Amino acid sequence: MNESVSIRTPADGPTVHHERGQRSVFCGLTGIVWLHRKIQDAFFLVVGSRTCAHLIQSAAGVMIFAEPRFATAILDQRDLAGLADVHDELDSVVGRLLERRPDIKLLFLVGSCPSEVIKIDLVRAAQRLNAKHAPNARVISYSGSGIEKTFTEGEDACLAALVPGLPAEPATAAPSLMVVGALADVVEDQFAVLFKEMGIDARFLPARRADSMPAVGPNTRFILAQPFLAETTRALEARGARRIAAAYPLGAEGTTLWLKAAADTFNVPSENFEAAIAPGLARAQMTLARQREKLSGKTIFFFPDSQLEIPLARFLAREVGMKPIDVSTPYLHRSLMAEELALLPPEVRLNEGSDVDAQLDRCRAARPDITVCGLGLANPLEAEGLTTKWAIELLFTPIQGYDQAGDLAELFTRPLARRSRLEV
């Protein structure tokens, strides 16, 4: 049943409309595509159907010569009907995999569907296999089910599964900073340098290798680099860590606010902070000025896909002069978005949830200059003459930080340039 319900008005930012109806989002398994690049000695074994195998391979564009760090343990009809011992078969697959690939130090069992569908409890399976293969390889599990997860929630589930196994930081340890969220290596390196110049030794979750995961304890302060990590946040807080509330590091303004929140938490003198950020901020402002000429005044419509919609709308409105007219996000975690909501233009229509039919009607009526949506909607909308941007591309591309601010804006100028070249 499709409906739009319980409109509520927050103290800061636009009114929030709650929509419930048909969804059109990518599967939570998709997070594997960027996570397997990030954790260099991890392997992602998807327990699912041939459909799941085709999805992952298509989404990743795996070359025939590549030896990727993900695969699918395919369940056939005998498995799903309970005619085969799935546990024995999974144990055999994992054993052969780890024997063939001794470089794997962290093995994720990723459920493609809820356990009642695939007829196997992967949490218990992971515990059993971990006991069998430790210490050579650690085995943990999480769900990437498209029934339960939108595509960025796959990363959230993965990182949350890592948290219970993170090393314990002593209660007597000095306050430490953890940056949470998968970032491209180049972005992580840039942030590490900036924090070091402020006198802060930052650690990152996920780390690039399984044995380098950061410790956590009551003196850990963590700051989210991605806005969709609600489950990971709860897991870290359960281990005593405390979150630093901040806007997200998209654009010059967002990056400055994000860095400033961390700097204030660690009592960095203002002159040290300004000196550290000045070169990067100047570069970002210069590159954004060029993109602003192309984007200023253009309208943009966001379908709910990645949970990046609100920070992106803030960035595009405040830094390049675009006009977000309709911004939908799959879930609105108020505490994680408070700083972003306060910066959104109040006239924006802000929606939590999905009613794809109603959203399509509004999009067609508005005829925005750019529509940000999933792959399933992009081609039909392009056929109707609308210019689209794939939401998933914003996850594959380095967009955080000062040196990526111009690149982020350019992701929105390219569809306009493409459209102008196609017009006759």
Protein backbone atom coordinates (compact mmCIF):
# COMPACT_ATOMS: atom_id res chain seq x y z
CA MET A 1 0.00 0.00 0.00
CA ASN A 2 1.36 3.41 -0.95
CA GLU A 3 1.03 6.30 1.46
CA SER A 4 2.56 9.53 2.67
CA VAL A 5 2.13 9.85 6.42
CA SER A 6 2.97 11.74 9.64
CA ILE A 7 4.56 14.95 8.52
CA ARG A 8 6.66 16.43 11.30
CA THR A 9 8.60 19.66 11.52
CA PRO A 10 12.05 19.62 13.15
CA ALA A 11 13.42 22.58 15.08
CA ASP A 12 15.94 23.24 12.32
CA GLY A 13 15.71 22.53 8.60
CA PRO A 14 12.82 21.61 6.33
CA THR A 15 9.64 19.73 7.16
CA VAL A 16 10.06 15.94 6.88
CA HIS A 17 7.49 13.94 4.90
CA HIS A 18 7.29 10.20 5.59
CA GLU A 19 6.55 8.11 2.51
CA ARG A 20 5.77 4.41 2.41
CA GLY A 21 5.29 2.50 -0.82
CA GLN A 22 7.12 0.71 -3.60
CA ARG A 23 10.92 0.96 -3.55
CA SER A 24 13.49 1.00 -6.33
CA VAL A 25 16.92 0.60 -4.74
CA PHE A 26 20.09 -1.38 -5.30
CA CYS A 27 20.88 -4.48 -3.21
CA GLY A 28 22.95 -4.32 -0.01
CA LEU A 29 25.40 -6.79 -1.54
CA THR A 30 26.73 -3.97 -3.71
CA GLY A 31 28.85 -2.61 -0.85
CA ILE A 32 31.21 -5.53 -1.45
CA VAL A 33 32.34 -3.82 -4.64
CA TRP A 34 34.12 -1.04 -2.75
CA LEU A 35 34.80 -2.89 0.53
CA HIS A 36 36.82 -5.68 -1.12
CA ARG A 37 39.14 -3.02 -2.54
CA LYS A 38 39.52 -1.35 0.85
CA ILE A 39 40.42 -4.27 3.14
CA GLN A 40 43.28 -5.76 1.21
CA ASP A 41 43.50 -9.19 2.85
CA ALA A 42 39.77 -9.77 3.23
CA PHE A 43 37.53 -12.02 1.16
CA PHE A 44 33.75 -11.75 0.78
CA LEU A 45 31.93 -15.04 0.25
CA VAL A 46 28.31 -14.40 -0.68
CA VAL A 47 26.01 -17.26 0.31
CA GLY A 48 23.17 -17.02 -2.18
CA SER A 49 21.76 -17.84 -5.58
CA ARG A 50 23.11 -17.58 -9.12
CA THR A 51 21.21 -14.31 -9.42
CA CYS A 52 23.36 -12.89 -6.61
CA ALA A 53 26.51 -14.11 -8.34
CA HIS A 54 25.51 -12.37 -11.56
CA LEU A 55 24.66 -9.16 -9.68
CA ILE A 56 28.03 -8.94 -7.97
CA GLN A 57 29.98 -9.79 -11.09
CA SER A 58 28.05 -7.28 -13.19
CA ALA A 59 28.28 -4.52 -10.60
CA ALA A 60 32.02 -4.96 -10.21
CA GLY A 61 32.83 -5.35 -13.89
CA VAL A 62 35.25 -8.14 -13.03
CA MET A 63 37.80 -8.79 -15.76
CA ILE A 64 38.28 -12.36 -16.96
CA PHE A 65 41.95 -12.29 -15.89
CA ALA A 66 41.27 -10.92 -12.41
CA GLU A 67 41.34 -12.96 -9.23
CA PRO A 68 38.84 -10.95 -7.18
CA ARG A 69 38.46 -11.12 -3.43
CA PHE A 70 34.81 -12.03 -3.51
CA ALA A 71 32.84 -15.04 -4.74
CA THR A 72 29.45 -16.70 -4.37
CA ALA A 73 28.69 -20.01 -2.67
CA ILE A 74 25.66 -20.84 -4.82
CA LEU A 75 22.66 -22.45 -3.18
CA ASP A 76 20.73 -24.74 -5.53
CA GLN A 77 17.27 -26.25 -5.20
CA ARG A 78 18.49 -29.17 -3.07
CA ASP A 79 19.98 -26.73 -0.55
CA LEU A 80 16.88 -24.55 -0.39
CA ALA A 81 14.60 -27.57 -0.08
CA GLY A 82 16.61 -28.89 2.85
CA LEU A 83 17.68 -32.05 0.97
CA ALA A 84 21.40 -31.34 1.38
CA ASP A 85 23.48 -30.53 4.45
CA VAL A 86 24.23 -26.89 3.73
CA HIS A 87 26.59 -26.60 6.68
CA ASP A 88 28.81 -29.43 5.44
CA GLU A 89 28.86 -27.94 1.94
CA LEU A 90 29.70 -24.45 3.26
CA ASP A 91 32.48 -25.88 5.45
CA SER A 92 33.91 -27.61 2.39
CA VAL A 93 33.77 -24.44 0.26
CA VAL A 94 35.45 -22.34 2.97
CA GLY A 95 38.11 -25.00 3.57
CA ARG A 96 39.03 -25.16 -0.13
CA LEU A 97 39.04 -21.37 -0.41
CA LEU A 98 41.37 -20.80 2.54
CA GLU A 99 43.67 -23.61 1.43
CA ARG A 100 43.94 -22.11 -2.04
CA ARG A 101 44.21 -18.51 -0.80
CA PRO A 102 46.35 -18.48 2.37
CA ASP A 103 46.64 -14.69 1.97
CA ILE A 104 43.04 -14.33 3.21
CA LYS A 105 43.13 -13.15 6.83
CA LEU A 106 39.52 -12.00 7.16
CA LEU A 107 36.65 -13.95 5.61
CA PHE A 108 33.18 -12.42 5.51
CA LEU A 109 30.21 -14.75 5.02
CA VAL A 110 27.61 -12.46 3.45
CA GLY A 111 23.99 -13.55 3.42
CA SER A 112 22.18 -12.62 0.23
CA CYS A 113 18.78 -13.24 1.83
CA PRO A 114 17.38 -13.62 5.37
CA SER A 115 18.37 -16.89 7.08
CA GLU A 116 14.84 -18.28 6.78
CA VAL A 117 15.15 -18.01 2.98
CA ILE A 118 18.63 -19.47 2.52
CA LYS A 119 18.02 -22.08 5.25
CA ILE A 120 21.28 -21.41 7.09
CA ASP A 121 22.21 -19.40 10.18
CA LEU A 122 25.37 -17.65 8.99
CA VAL A 123 26.12 -16.17 12.42
CA ARG A 124 26.52 -19.65 13.92
CA ALA A 125 28.26 -20.90 10.80
CA ALA A 126 30.79 -18.08 11.07
CA GLN A 127 31.40 -18.85 14.76
CA ARG A 128 32.01 -22.53 13.96
CA LEU A 129 34.31 -21.78 11.03
CA ASN A 130 36.17 -19.11 12.98
CA ALA A 131 36.97 -21.62 15.72
CA LYS A 132 38.17 -24.06 13.06
CA HIS A 133 40.38 -21.72 11.03
CA ALA A 134 41.73 -19.30 13.67
CA PRO A 135 44.32 -17.89 14.00
CA ASN A 136 45.19 -18.14 10.31
CA ALA A 137 41.92 -16.50 9.24
CA ARG A 138 39.11 -14.79 11.11
CA VAL A 139 35.57 -15.60 9.91
CA ILE A 140 32.62 -13.28 10.57
CA SER A 141 29.22 -12.77 8.94
CA TYR A 142 26.71 -10.08 8.05
CA SER A 143 23.59 -9.72 5.93
CA GLY A 144 23.69 -7.96 2.57
CA SER A 145 20.13 -8.94 1.76
CA GLY A 146 18.31 -6.58 -0.57
CA ILE A 147 15.12 -7.58 1.25
CA GLU A 148 16.51 -6.07 4.46
CA LYS A 149 19.16 -3.58 3.32
CA THR A 150 19.53 -0.68 0.93
CA PHE A 151 22.84 -0.77 -0.86
CA THR A 152 24.87 1.43 1.50
CA GLU A 153 23.54 -0.45 4.51
CA GLY A 154 25.67 -3.34 3.30
CA GLU A 155 28.75 -1.35 4.36
CA ASP A 156 27.09 -0.46 7.66
CA ALA A 157 26.37 -4.13 8.39
CA CYS A 158 29.94 -5.10 7.45
CA LEU A 159 31.60 -2.50 9.71
CA ALA A 160 29.20 -3.24 12.56
CA ALA A 161 30.20 -6.92 12.31
CA LEU A 162 33.84 -5.89 12.70
CA VAL A 163 33.31 -3.88 15.89
CA PRO A 164 32.95 -6.74 18.43
CA GLY A 165 36.35 -8.10 17.35
CA LEU A 166 38.24 -4.80 17.50
CA PRO A 167 41.10 -4.73 20.02
CA ALA A 168 40.19 -3.27 23.41
CA GLU A 169 41.74 0.08 24.23
CA PRO A 170 42.69 0.39 27.94
CA ALA A 171 40.50 2.64 30.07
CA THR A 172 43.66 4.55 31.00
CA ALA A 173 44.57 5.30 27.37
CA ALA A 174 44.72 8.89 26.16
CA PRO A 175 41.75 10.07 24.05
CA SER A 176 42.05 8.79 20.48
CA LEU A 177 40.30 9.58 17.20
CA MET A 178 38.71 6.95 14.96
CA VAL A 179 37.45 7.93 11.49
CA VAL A 180 34.62 5.54 10.54
CA GLY A 181 33.56 4.73 6.99
CA ALA A 182 35.23 3.23 3.92
CA LEU A 183 37.21 5.93 2.13
CA ALA A 184 39.37 5.72 -0.96
CA ASP A 185 43.01 5.32 0.04
CA VAL A 186 43.94 8.71 -1.42
CA VAL A 187 41.24 10.41 0.66
CA GLU A 188 42.24 8.54 3.81
CA ASP A 189 45.86 9.60 3.31
CA GLN A 190 44.84 13.24 2.86
CA PHE A 191 42.79 13.23 6.05
CA ALA A 192 45.55 11.48 7.98
CA VAL A 193 47.98 14.24 6.97
CA LEU A 194 45.54 17.00 7.94
CA PHE A 195 44.88 15.46 11.35
CA LYS A 196 48.61 14.94 11.92
CA GLU A 197 49.27 18.61 11.16
CA MET A 198 46.74 19.46 13.87
CA GLY A 199 48.49 17.13 16.31
CA ILE A 200 45.87 14.35 16.13
CA ASP A 201 46.82 10.75 15.39
CA ALA A 202 43.77 9.45 13.52
CA ARG A 203 43.00 5.78 12.94
CA PHE A 204 40.53 4.49 10.37
CA LEU A 205 37.78 1.87 10.34
CA PRO A 206 37.96 -0.18 8.21
CA ALA A 207 41.73 -0.44 8.14
CA ARG A 208 43.48 -1.59 5.00
CA ARG A 209 44.55 -4.89 6.58
CA ALA A 210 42.82 -7.21 9.01
CA ASP A 211 45.59 -7.00 11.63
CA SER A 212 45.54 -3.18 11.61
CA MET A 213 41.98 -2.58 12.78
CA PRO A 214 41.86 0.23 15.37
CA ALA A 215 41.37 -0.38 19.06
CA VAL A 216 38.26 0.93 20.79
CA GLY A 217 37.45 1.83 24.36
CA PRO A 218 35.91 4.45 26.65
CA ASN A 219 38.40 7.12 25.54
CA THR A 220 37.80 6.57 21.82
CA ARG A 221 36.15 9.47 20.01
CA PHE A 222 34.87 8.58 16.55
CA ILE A 223 33.68 10.72 13.66
CA LEU A 224 31.65 9.36 10.76
CA ALA A 225 32.98 9.90 7.24
CA GLN A 226 29.78 8.39 5.79
CA PRO A 227 26.24 9.25 6.91
CA PHE A 228 24.73 5.77 6.62
CA LEU A 229 26.52 4.05 9.51
CA ALA A 230 23.79 3.91 12.16
CA GLU A 231 24.34 0.25 13.10
CA THR A 232 28.11 0.75 13.30
CA THR A 233 27.56 3.80 15.50
CA ARG A 234 25.45 1.78 17.93
CA ALA A 235 28.06 -1.00 18.02
CA LEU A 236 30.90 1.42 18.77
CA GLU A 237 28.89 3.19 21.46
CA ALA A 238 28.15 -0.20 23.04
CA ARG A 239 31.90 -0.60 23.44
CA GLY A 240 32.18 2.78 25.18
CA ALA A 241 33.26 5.00 22.27
CA ARG A 242 31.65 8.41 21.81
CA ARG A 243 30.63 9.99 18.51
CA ILE A 244 31.72 13.46 17.45
CA ALA A 245 28.68 15.13 15.90
CA ALA A 246 29.52 16.86 12.62
CA ALA A 247 28.43 17.62 9.08
CA TYR A 248 29.98 15.28 6.50
CA PRO A 249 33.18 16.03 4.54
CA LEU A 250 31.60 16.84 1.17
CA GLY A 251 32.78 20.09 -0.39
CA ALA A 252 34.90 22.86 1.10
CA GLU A 253 32.35 23.86 3.74
CA GLY A 254 31.45 20.31 4.77
CA THR A 255 35.09 19.25 5.04
CA THR A 256 35.94 22.32 7.13
CA LEU A 257 33.01 21.73 9.52
CA TRP A 258 33.91 18.03 9.80
CA LEU A 259 37.56 18.72 10.56
CA LYS A 260 36.64 21.54 12.96
CA ALA A 261 34.38 19.25 14.99
CA ALA A 262 37.29 16.83 15.50
CA ALA A 263 39.75 19.65 16.20
CA ASP A 264 37.48 21.16 18.87
CA THR A 265 37.05 17.75 20.53
CA PHE A 266 40.84 17.44 20.85
CA ASN A 267 41.36 21.09 21.84
CA VAL A 268 43.43 22.00 18.78
CA PRO A 269 44.36 25.72 18.93
CA SER A 270 42.51 27.75 16.30
CA GLU A 271 45.75 28.98 14.72
CA ASN A 272 46.97 25.38 14.28
CA PHE A 273 43.64 24.39 12.75
CA GLU A 274 43.60 27.33 10.32
CA ALA A 275 47.19 26.68 9.26
CA ALA A 276 46.49 23.00 8.61
CA ILE A 277 43.39 23.53 6.45
CA ALA A 278 44.34 26.75 4.61
CA PRO A 279 46.06 25.21 1.53
CA GLY A 280 43.40 22.57 0.94
CA LEU A 281 40.54 24.99 1.54
CA ALA A 282 41.97 27.45 -0.97
CA ARG A 283 42.33 24.73 -3.61
CA ALA A 284 38.77 23.54 -3.04
CA GLN A 285 37.30 27.02 -3.28
CA MET A 286 39.19 27.69 -6.52
CA THR A 287 37.99 24.49 -8.21
CA LEU A 288 34.42 24.98 -7.00
CA ALA A 289 34.29 28.47 -8.45
CA ARG A 290 34.76 27.02 -11.93
CA GLN A 291 31.98 24.47 -11.46
CA ARG A 292 29.63 27.04 -9.91
CA GLU A 293 29.45 28.88 -13.22
CA LYS A 294 27.98 25.74 -14.82
CA LEU A 295 25.68 24.64 -11.99
CA SER A 296 24.35 27.80 -10.37
CA GLY A 297 20.57 28.05 -10.65
CA LYS A 298 20.12 24.47 -11.93
CA THR A 299 17.43 22.38 -10.22
CA ILE A 300 18.05 18.89 -8.86
CA PHE A 301 15.77 16.06 -7.67
CA PHE A 302 16.97 13.18 -5.45
CA PHE A 303 15.36 9.76 -5.36
CA PRO A 304 16.07 7.71 -2.19
CA ASP A 305 19.10 5.46 -2.71
CA SER A 306 22.33 5.97 -0.81
CA GLN A 307 21.57 8.05 2.33
CA LEU A 308 24.06 10.56 0.87
CA GLU A 309 21.16 12.64 -0.46
CA ILE A 310 20.96 15.21 2.36
CA PRO A 311 24.72 16.04 2.55
CA LEU A 312 24.84 16.20 -1.26
CA ALA A 313 21.85 18.54 -1.39
CA ARG A 314 23.47 20.76 1.23
CA PHE A 315 26.73 20.85 -0.72
CA LEU A 316 25.10 21.58 -4.07
CA ALA A 317 22.85 24.31 -2.65
CA ARG A 318 25.38 26.16 -0.52
CA GLU A 319 28.60 25.73 -2.50
CA VAL A 320 27.63 25.69 -6.18
CA GLY A 321 24.28 27.43 -6.13
CA MET A 322 22.02 24.59 -7.26
CA LYS A 323 18.37 24.40 -6.21
CA PRO A 324 17.38 21.06 -4.61
CA ILE A 325 13.63 20.86 -5.05
CA ASP A 326 12.89 17.37 -3.76
CA VAL A 327 15.26 15.32 -1.58
CA SER A 328 14.31 11.76 -0.59
CA THR A 329 16.45 9.48 1.56
CA PRO A 330 15.75 5.81 2.43
CA TYR A 331 16.11 6.41 6.19
CA LEU A 332 16.57 9.61 8.14
CA HIS A 333 18.68 9.08 11.26
CA ARG A 334 18.03 12.40 12.95
CA SER A 335 20.97 12.32 15.36
CA LEU A 336 23.42 11.50 12.57
CA MET A 337 22.00 14.20 10.29
CA ALA A 338 21.30 17.04 12.73
CA GLU A 339 24.14 19.26 11.53
CA GLU A 340 23.26 18.66 7.87
CA LEU A 341 19.54 19.31 8.33
CA ALA A 342 20.26 22.70 9.89
CA LEU A 343 22.12 23.71 6.71
CA LEU A 344 19.50 22.60 4.16
CA PRO A 345 17.45 25.33 2.45
CA PRO A 346 14.09 25.44 4.29
CA GLU A 347 12.09 25.38 1.04
CA VAL A 348 13.37 21.91 0.08
CA ARG A 349 10.79 19.11 0.14
CA LEU A 350 12.47 16.48 2.35
CA ASN A 351 11.18 12.90 2.36
CA GLU A 352 12.06 9.86 4.44
CA GLY A 353 11.27 6.53 2.84
CA SER A 354 10.15 5.59 -0.62
CA ASP A 355 7.00 5.76 -2.67
CA VAL A 356 8.53 5.49 -6.11
CA ASP A 357 5.27 6.11 -7.99
CA ALA A 358 4.55 9.34 -6.13
CA GLN A 359 8.18 10.43 -6.45
CA LEU A 360 8.13 9.74 -10.19
CA ASP A 361 4.98 11.85 -10.52
CA ARG A 362 6.63 14.76 -8.71
CA CYS A 363 9.82 14.41 -10.74
CA ARG A 364 7.95 14.43 -14.05
CA ALA A 365 5.95 17.46 -12.96
CA ALA A 366 9.04 19.37 -11.81
CA ARG A 367 11.23 18.52 -14.85
CA PRO A 368 14.47 19.15 -12.90
CA ASP A 369 17.75 19.88 -14.67
CA ILE A 370 19.32 16.80 -12.99
CA THR A 371 17.71 13.75 -11.37
CA VAL A 372 19.82 11.58 -9.04
CA CYS A 373 18.46 8.04 -9.01
CA GLY A 374 19.28 4.35 -9.22
CA LEU A 375 20.10 2.42 -12.36
CA GLY A 376 16.58 1.01 -12.63
CA LEU A 377 15.06 4.49 -13.01
CA ALA A 378 17.80 6.25 -14.96
CA ASN A 379 17.20 4.80 -18.42
CA PRO A 380 13.40 5.28 -18.42
CA LEU A 381 13.79 8.86 -17.21
CA GLU A 382 16.46 9.56 -19.82
CA ALA A 383 14.06 8.24 -22.46
CA GLU A 384 11.55 10.81 -21.23
CA GLY A 385 14.06 13.59 -21.77
CA LEU A 386 15.29 14.00 -18.18
CA THR A 387 18.99 14.24 -17.36
CA THR A 388 20.07 11.72 -14.73
CA LYS A 389 23.02 10.94 -12.47
CA TRP A 390 23.51 7.42 -11.10
CA ALA A 391 23.45 7.45 -7.30
CA ILE A 392 25.78 4.46 -7.10
CA GLU A 393 28.57 6.37 -8.88
CA LEU A 394 28.81 8.64 -5.84
CA LEU A 395 29.92 5.63 -3.78
CA PHE A 396 32.51 4.34 -6.26
CA THR A 397 34.14 7.75 -6.74
CA PRO A 398 36.40 9.54 -4.20
CA ILE A 399 34.29 12.57 -3.26
CA GLN A 400 35.27 13.46 0.33
CA GLY A 401 37.76 16.15 1.30
CA TYR A 402 39.16 19.37 -0.09
CA ASP A 403 41.00 17.93 -3.07
CA GLN A 404 37.92 16.05 -4.26
CA ALA A 405 35.46 18.97 -3.89
CA GLY A 406 35.85 20.06 -7.51
CA ASP A 407 35.60 16.45 -8.70
CA LEU A 408 32.36 16.05 -6.74
CA ALA A 409 30.83 19.12 -8.38
CA GLU A 410 32.02 17.92 -11.79
CA LEU A 411 30.04 14.71 -11.36
CA PHE A 412 26.96 16.91 -11.72
CA THR A 413 28.23 19.04 -14.61
CA ARG A 414 28.98 15.98 -16.75
CA PRO A 415 25.34 14.89 -17.24
CA LEU A 416 24.47 18.44 -18.30
CA ALA A 417 27.36 18.50 -20.75
CA ARG A 418 26.32 15.11 -22.11
CA ARG A 419 22.77 16.28 -22.60
CA SER A 420 23.88 19.44 -24.41
CA ARG A 421 26.02 17.40 -26.81
CA LEU A 422 23.09 15.10 -27.59
CA GLU A 423 20.67 17.90 -28.33
CA VAL A 424 20.23 18.84 -31.97
